[in-house]
Protein backbone atom coordinates (compact mmCIF):
# COMPACT_ATOMS: atom_id res chain seq x y z
CA MET A 1 25.99 -18.77 41.09
CA LYS A 2 27.04 -21.99 39.40
CA LYS A 3 27.75 -21.57 35.69
CA ILE A 4 26.08 -24.21 33.53
CA LYS A 5 26.23 -25.49 29.98
CA VAL A 6 22.96 -25.22 28.04
CA ASN A 7 22.22 -26.82 24.66
CA ILE A 8 19.23 -25.55 22.71
CA VAL A 9 17.99 -27.40 19.61
CA VAL A 10 15.97 -25.38 17.09
CA PRO A 11 14.48 -26.59 13.78
CA SER A 12 15.93 -23.63 11.85
CA LEU A 13 17.05 -20.00 12.09
CA VAL A 14 14.03 -18.69 10.17
CA GLN A 15 12.81 -15.32 11.46
CA GLY A 16 9.72 -15.46 13.65
CA GLY A 17 8.22 -14.62 17.02
CA GLY A 18 8.83 -18.06 18.54
CA PRO A 19 12.54 -18.21 17.63
CA ARG A 20 12.98 -14.62 18.82
CA VAL A 21 11.73 -15.58 22.30
CA ILE A 22 14.07 -18.59 22.39
CA PHE A 23 17.06 -16.51 21.29
CA SER A 24 16.22 -13.77 23.80
CA TYR A 25 16.40 -16.35 26.61
CA ALA A 26 19.66 -17.69 25.17
CA ASN A 27 21.16 -14.17 25.20
CA TYR A 28 19.97 -13.63 28.77
CA LEU A 29 21.65 -16.85 29.92
CA VAL A 30 24.91 -15.80 28.27
CA GLU A 31 24.67 -12.40 30.00
CA GLN A 32 24.41 -14.29 33.31
CA GLY A 33 27.68 -16.05 32.52
CA HIS A 34 26.34 -19.39 31.29
CA ASP A 35 27.68 -21.31 28.28
CA VAL A 36 24.95 -21.57 25.62
CA VAL A 37 25.08 -23.32 22.25
CA VAL A 38 22.15 -23.34 19.80
CA TYR A 39 22.17 -26.34 17.45
CA VAL A 40 20.57 -26.36 13.98
CA PRO A 41 20.31 -29.71 12.12
CA ILE A 42 20.99 -29.80 8.38
CA LEU A 43 19.30 -33.18 8.06
CA TYR A 44 15.82 -32.31 9.26
CA VAL A 45 14.04 -35.60 9.95
CA TRP A 46 10.35 -35.98 10.76
CA PRO A 47 9.26 -37.98 13.85
CA LYS A 48 9.10 -41.78 13.90
CA MET A 49 5.44 -41.83 12.86
CA ARG A 50 6.53 -40.72 9.39
CA ASN A 51 9.24 -43.39 9.25
CA GLY A 52 12.05 -40.89 9.71
CA LYS A 53 11.42 -39.19 6.36
CA ILE A 54 13.60 -36.20 5.58
CA ASN A 55 12.02 -32.76 5.24
CA TRP A 56 14.14 -31.66 2.28
CA LYS A 57 12.77 -28.11 2.11
CA THR A 58 13.86 -27.29 5.67
CA SER A 59 17.09 -29.27 5.31
CA VAL A 60 18.19 -27.33 2.22
CA GLY A 61 17.17 -24.04 3.86
CA ASN A 62 19.24 -24.83 6.96
CA PHE A 63 22.26 -25.72 4.84
CA LEU A 64 22.09 -22.52 2.77
CA ARG A 65 21.44 -20.34 5.82
CA GLY A 66 24.42 -21.76 7.70
CA ASN A 67 25.05 -20.54 11.23
CA LYS A 68 24.49 -16.84 10.54
CA LEU A 69 21.61 -15.18 12.36
CA LYS A 70 21.13 -11.99 10.34
CA TRP A 71 17.92 -10.74 11.99
CA PHE A 72 18.95 -11.13 15.66
CA ASP A 73 21.99 -9.91 17.58
CA ASN A 74 23.03 -13.18 19.20
CA LYS A 75 25.55 -13.45 22.03
CA PHE A 76 25.40 -17.27 22.04
CA LYS A 77 27.21 -19.74 19.77
CA ILE A 78 25.35 -21.33 16.85
CA LYS A 79 26.42 -24.72 15.55
CA LEU A 80 25.17 -26.19 12.29
CA ILE A 81 25.23 -29.98 12.69
CA PHE A 82 24.50 -32.80 10.26
CA LYS A 83 21.71 -34.23 12.44
CA ILE A 84 20.49 -34.38 16.02
CA SER A 85 22.59 -37.17 17.53
CA ASP A 86 25.01 -37.85 20.37
CA PHE A 87 27.96 -37.59 17.98
CA TYR A 88 27.29 -33.96 17.05
CA ILE A 89 25.97 -32.52 20.32
CA ARG A 90 28.25 -31.83 23.30
CA ASP A 91 27.69 -32.97 26.88
CA SER A 92 25.93 -30.32 28.95
CA ASP A 93 23.79 -29.68 32.04
CA ILE A 94 20.55 -28.93 30.19
CA ILE A 95 19.34 -29.65 26.66
CA MET A 96 16.19 -27.96 25.40
CA ALA A 97 13.81 -29.06 22.65
CA THR A 98 11.82 -26.20 21.13
CA ALA A 99 9.53 -27.86 18.55
CA TRP A 100 7.41 -30.99 18.32
CA GLN A 101 9.23 -32.02 15.13
CA THR A 102 12.54 -32.39 17.00
CA ALA A 103 11.31 -33.30 20.51
CA GLN A 104 11.65 -37.06 19.98
CA SER A 105 15.20 -36.69 18.62
CA VAL A 106 16.22 -34.62 21.66
CA TYR A 107 14.56 -37.10 24.00
CA ASP A 108 16.52 -39.96 22.42
CA LEU A 109 19.90 -38.34 23.18
CA ALA A 110 22.16 -39.74 25.91
CA ASP A 111 21.67 -38.45 29.45
CA SER A 112 25.14 -36.88 29.27
CA LYS A 113 23.81 -34.33 26.77
CA GLY A 114 21.86 -32.70 29.58
CA LYS A 115 18.63 -32.80 31.53
CA LYS A 116 15.82 -32.92 28.92
CA VAL A 117 13.65 -29.81 28.78
CA TYR A 118 10.84 -29.02 26.31
CA PHE A 119 9.82 -25.39 25.67
CA ILE A 120 6.30 -25.22 24.19
CA GLN A 121 5.06 -21.89 22.79
CA GLY A 122 1.93 -23.03 20.98
CA TYR A 123 -0.43 -25.92 20.26
CA GLU A 124 1.18 -26.61 16.90
CA VAL A 125 -1.58 -28.74 15.35
CA ASN A 126 -2.14 -27.66 11.74
CA ASP A 127 -5.49 -26.43 10.44
CA GLU A 128 -6.36 -29.89 9.08
CA GLY A 129 -5.38 -31.63 12.31
CA THR A 130 -3.24 -34.16 10.43
CA ASN A 131 -0.35 -33.90 12.93
CA LYS A 132 -2.43 -33.91 16.13
CA ILE A 133 -1.16 -37.31 17.31
CA GLU A 134 2.47 -36.34 16.67
CA VAL A 135 2.15 -33.05 18.53
CA GLU A 136 0.41 -34.58 21.54
CA ASP A 137 2.79 -37.57 21.61
CA SER A 138 5.65 -35.09 22.04
CA TYR A 139 4.00 -33.96 25.29
CA LYS A 140 4.02 -37.56 26.58
CA LEU A 141 7.77 -38.15 26.30
CA GLY A 142 8.31 -37.35 29.97
CA MET A 143 10.57 -34.33 29.52
CA ASN A 144 10.47 -31.36 31.90
CA MET A 145 8.07 -29.00 30.13
CA PHE A 146 7.40 -25.28 30.39
CA THR A 147 5.22 -23.00 28.35
CA ILE A 148 4.12 -19.37 28.01
CA ALA A 149 0.39 -19.17 28.79
CA ASN A 150 -2.20 -20.48 31.26
CA TRP A 151 -4.42 -22.08 28.59
CA LEU A 152 -1.44 -23.86 27.05
CA GLU A 153 -0.28 -25.10 30.46
CA GLU A 154 -3.74 -26.57 31.08
CA LEU A 155 -3.84 -28.23 27.64
CA VAL A 156 -0.34 -29.76 27.83
CA SER A 157 -0.92 -30.88 31.43
CA SER A 158 -4.17 -32.65 30.51
CA VAL A 159 -2.56 -34.46 27.56
CA SER A 160 0.71 -35.37 29.31
CA GLU A 161 -0.74 -35.95 32.78
CA GLN A 162 2.29 -34.26 34.29
CA LYS A 163 3.10 -30.87 35.79
CA VAL A 164 3.95 -28.09 33.34
CA LYS A 165 5.49 -24.78 34.40
CA ILE A 166 4.63 -21.34 32.99
CA ILE A 167 7.18 -18.64 32.14
CA HIS A 168 5.42 -15.67 30.57
CA ASN A 169 7.07 -13.95 27.62
CA TRP A 170 8.82 -10.63 28.25
CA THR A 171 10.26 -7.68 26.38
CA ARG A 172 13.17 -5.51 27.48
CA ASP A 173 12.25 -1.93 28.38
CA GLU A 174 14.75 -0.52 25.90
CA GLU A 175 12.96 -2.26 23.03
CA PHE A 176 9.90 -0.04 23.41
CA ILE A 177 9.86 3.08 21.24
CA ARG A 178 9.52 6.07 23.55
CA GLU A 179 8.57 8.98 21.32
CA GLU A 180 6.07 11.76 21.65
CA LYS A 181 2.58 10.35 21.23
CA GLN A 182 0.87 11.39 18.03
CA ILE A 183 -2.23 10.48 16.06
CA ASN A 184 -1.66 9.64 12.42
CA ASN A 185 -3.86 11.06 9.71
CA PRO A 186 -5.53 8.90 8.64
CA ARG A 187 -5.52 6.72 11.75
CA SER A 188 -3.60 3.48 11.26
CA ILE A 189 -4.12 -0.01 12.66
CA ILE A 190 -1.50 -2.75 12.38
CA MET A 191 -2.25 -6.48 12.59
CA LEU A 192 0.10 -9.44 12.33
CA GLY A 193 -0.47 -11.04 8.92
CA ASN A 194 -0.45 -14.70 9.90
CA THR A 195 -3.04 -16.87 8.14
CA ALA A 196 -2.82 -19.80 10.59
CA LEU A 197 -6.34 -20.55 11.79
CA HIS A 198 -5.49 -20.45 15.52
CA LYS A 199 -4.03 -16.92 15.16
CA GLY A 200 -7.54 -15.51 14.63
CA TRP A 201 -6.73 -14.07 11.19
CA SER A 202 -10.29 -14.25 9.81
CA LEU A 203 -11.84 -12.66 12.92
CA GLY A 204 -9.20 -9.93 12.84
CA LEU A 205 -10.00 -9.07 9.23
CA GLU A 206 -13.69 -8.92 10.06
CA ILE A 207 -13.07 -6.42 12.86
CA LEU A 208 -10.66 -4.35 10.75
CA LYS A 209 -13.22 -4.03 7.93
CA LYS A 210 -15.77 -2.62 10.40
CA ALA A 211 -13.16 -0.23 11.84
CA GLN A 212 -12.24 0.96 8.37
CA GLU A 213 -15.85 1.59 7.42
CA LYS A 214 -16.56 3.49 10.63
CA TYR A 215 -13.34 5.48 11.06
CA ASN A 216 -11.85 5.54 7.53
CA CYS A 217 -8.59 4.26 8.96
CA ARG A 218 -5.56 2.78 7.23
CA ILE A 219 -5.00 -0.95 7.69
CA ILE A 220 -1.48 -2.42 7.67
CA LEU A 221 -0.86 -6.20 7.74
């Protein structure tokens, strides 16, 4: 198997489900013998529509966090760079954008930085819809795109008018907790506490309230 160089550009190293999936793939590629570098920009610049304004909150966070990934056991290299540009990013075989905020910057890089790939894990339009044009414009850049779900593939395909591939998320067998099954007293239900509208937070709370009333169970968010 040919060994390749892969560049992955992430907005930050903040803990979350999306970054965890990206970093899991990066680890897997390293385990297969490939050379993977994850780049984090200190100067976090919004897309052209916002006249290249700097997102100072994320920029300062990236600077203070450095290149240390405390919540994930990474096997890949992490490079903190001043900004996403040809000067700071090495030549490679593939370069991957992972967020709509940085997709344009990755697309603008020289071809020598790698074949442009865009990994989309959600329809990242905010609850007010104020960034809808920016998000959907990132789908129209012409990069090779792949995503994680059928509904998302259909949405991105319809907006971009190009083929989008699906790679479903996965979890390693050893990450499951294999202990003797037991029922807690009182019964407990856990739900992800994410208030983003598209996560179904309000509907989840509604269902949990009914479950609590009926079964006197403990609710953990």
